[in-house]
Protein backbone atom coordinates (compact mmCIF):
# COMPACT_ATOMS: atom_id res chain seq x y z
CA MET A 1 -9.73 2.31 23.68
CA GLU A 2 -7.86 -0.22 21.61
CA LEU A 3 -6.59 0.37 18.10
CA LYS A 4 -5.56 -2.61 15.96
CA VAL A 5 -2.99 -2.20 13.22
CA ILE A 6 -4.21 -4.28 10.26
CA GLY A 7 -1.16 -3.84 8.04
CA GLU A 8 1.47 -1.44 6.75
CA VAL A 9 1.97 0.90 3.83
CA LYS A 10 5.05 0.00 1.82
CA GLN A 11 6.71 2.39 -0.63
CA LYS A 12 8.60 0.26 -3.16
CA HIS A 13 10.25 1.62 -6.30
CA GLY A 14 7.72 4.43 -6.71
CA ARG A 15 4.76 2.14 -5.99
CA THR A 16 2.48 2.23 -2.95
CA ILE A 17 1.66 -1.21 -1.59
CA LEU A 18 -0.66 -2.18 1.25
CA GLU A 19 0.55 -5.25 3.11
CA ILE A 20 -2.31 -6.56 5.25
CA HIS A 21 -1.54 -8.82 8.20
CA GLU A 22 -2.52 -12.46 7.72
CA GLU A 23 -5.10 -12.41 10.51
CA PHE A 24 -7.11 -9.77 8.55
CA GLU A 25 -6.91 -11.44 5.11
CA ALA A 26 -10.57 -12.55 5.20
CA ALA A 27 -11.64 -8.92 5.74
CA LEU A 28 -10.42 -8.07 2.21
CA GLU A 29 -12.97 -10.38 0.60
CA GLY A 30 -15.22 -8.41 -1.74
CA LEU A 31 -12.68 -5.70 -2.62
CA THR A 32 -11.82 -5.61 -6.33
CA GLU A 33 -9.21 -4.15 -8.64
CA GLY A 34 -10.32 -0.75 -9.90
CA GLN A 35 -12.45 -0.11 -6.81
CA TRP A 36 -12.07 3.12 -4.83
CA ILE A 37 -11.38 2.73 -1.11
CA ILE A 38 -10.88 4.94 1.90
CA LEU A 39 -7.62 4.12 3.62
CA LEU A 40 -7.09 5.16 7.25
CA VAL A 41 -3.55 5.19 8.59
CA TRP A 42 -1.79 6.15 11.81
CA PHE A 43 0.84 8.84 11.25
CA HIS A 44 3.24 7.07 13.60
CA LEU A 45 6.06 9.59 13.17
CA ASN A 46 3.78 12.27 14.67
CA ASN A 47 2.75 10.11 17.62
CA THR A 48 4.57 12.00 20.36
CA PRO A 49 2.97 13.89 23.26
CA GLU A 50 4.48 17.17 21.99
CA LEU A 51 3.27 16.79 18.38
CA ARG A 52 -0.15 15.55 19.48
CA ARG A 53 -0.58 18.81 21.44
CA THR A 54 -0.24 20.86 18.21
CA LEU A 55 -3.55 22.66 17.72
CA LYS A 56 -2.62 25.28 15.10
CA VAL A 57 -0.51 24.97 11.96
CA HIS A 58 0.37 26.92 8.86
CA PRO A 59 -1.65 25.23 6.06
CA MET A 60 0.52 23.00 3.84
CA GLY A 61 3.49 23.97 6.07
CA ASP A 62 3.59 27.36 4.31
CA ARG A 63 4.65 29.92 6.94
CA SER A 64 3.39 32.75 4.72
CA ARG A 65 -0.15 31.50 5.37
CA PRO A 66 -1.78 32.38 8.71
CA LEU A 67 -2.10 29.81 11.46
CA ARG A 68 -5.29 27.74 11.43
CA GLY A 69 -6.72 25.15 13.77
CA VAL A 70 -5.68 21.62 12.79
CA PHE A 71 -9.31 20.60 12.39
CA ALA A 72 -9.56 23.14 9.55
CA THR A 73 -6.54 21.61 7.74
CA ARG A 74 -5.28 18.28 6.43
CA SER A 75 -2.13 18.53 8.55
CA PRO A 76 -0.65 15.25 9.85
CA LEU A 77 -0.12 17.01 13.20
CA ARG A 78 -3.28 16.27 15.17
CA PRO A 79 -4.43 15.14 18.64
CA ASN A 80 -5.02 11.71 17.02
CA PRO A 81 -2.63 11.41 14.06
CA ILE A 82 -5.03 9.65 11.71
CA GLY A 83 -4.52 10.03 7.98
CA LYS A 84 -7.27 9.51 5.40
CA TYR A 85 -6.76 8.75 1.72
CA THR A 86 -9.28 8.00 -1.01
CA VAL A 87 -7.47 5.80 -3.52
CA LYS A 88 -8.09 3.29 -6.26
CA ILE A 89 -7.02 -0.33 -5.96
CA ARG A 90 -4.69 -0.83 -8.90
CA LYS A 91 -3.92 -4.51 -8.45
CA PHE A 92 -4.00 -7.38 -6.00
CA LEU A 93 -0.45 -8.73 -5.91
CA ASN A 94 -1.65 -11.65 -3.77
CA SER A 95 -4.51 -12.31 -1.35
CA ARG A 96 -3.32 -9.69 1.16
CA THR A 97 -1.01 -7.40 -0.78
CA ILE A 98 -2.60 -4.56 -2.73
CA GLU A 99 -1.08 -1.94 -5.01
CA ILE A 100 -2.94 1.37 -4.80
CA ASP A 101 -2.61 4.84 -6.29
CA PRO A 102 0.47 6.63 -4.91
CA ILE A 103 0.08 8.38 -1.55
CA ASP A 104 2.47 10.45 0.54
CA ALA A 105 2.48 8.16 3.59
CA PHE A 106 5.91 7.02 4.69
CA ASP A 107 7.12 3.45 4.33
CA SER A 108 5.92 1.30 7.25
CA THR A 109 3.02 3.63 8.12
CA PRO A 110 0.50 1.53 10.07
CA ILE A 111 -2.87 0.89 8.41
CA ILE A 112 -5.78 1.10 10.85
CA ASP A 113 -8.76 0.57 8.52
CA ILE A 114 -9.98 0.20 4.95
CA LYS A 115 -13.51 1.11 3.88
CA PRO A 116 -15.16 1.02 0.48
CA PHE A 117 -15.75 4.44 -1.07
CA ILE A 118 -19.52 4.81 -1.53
CA LYS A 119 -20.40 7.87 -3.56
CA ASN A 120 -23.75 8.74 -1.95
CA LEU A 121 -22.22 8.41 1.54
CA ASP A 122 -18.79 9.91 0.90
CA CYS A 123 -19.83 12.72 -1.49
CA PRO A 124 -22.98 14.30 -0.09
CA PRO A 125 -25.01 16.36 -2.57
CA VAL A 126 -24.12 20.03 -2.61
């Protein structure tokens, strides 16, 4: 399996910026300011054999809460440390640099994919 990093998250002066690599610039065509997107990142700081073996965590890191399986939490400790954010594009700063709503990803977090948020696909009826 091959995973391609398409860019990096940058945290600059309280702003969250997506810097997309030049070779993927054409893939941004059709995205617009104000649009909601799903951002997939690789939690690179948790990419160690030991951390990737973590199968149970205290939700939100709160040790007063009982341990739960990582698949029942949003913990960044996972067998595949993939993070998912649903965010709004605030502004295109240039053809491959995008300001989005703030997220808690660290500076230089690798971006592995961007998808448009589509309500009827991403919010199934209850």
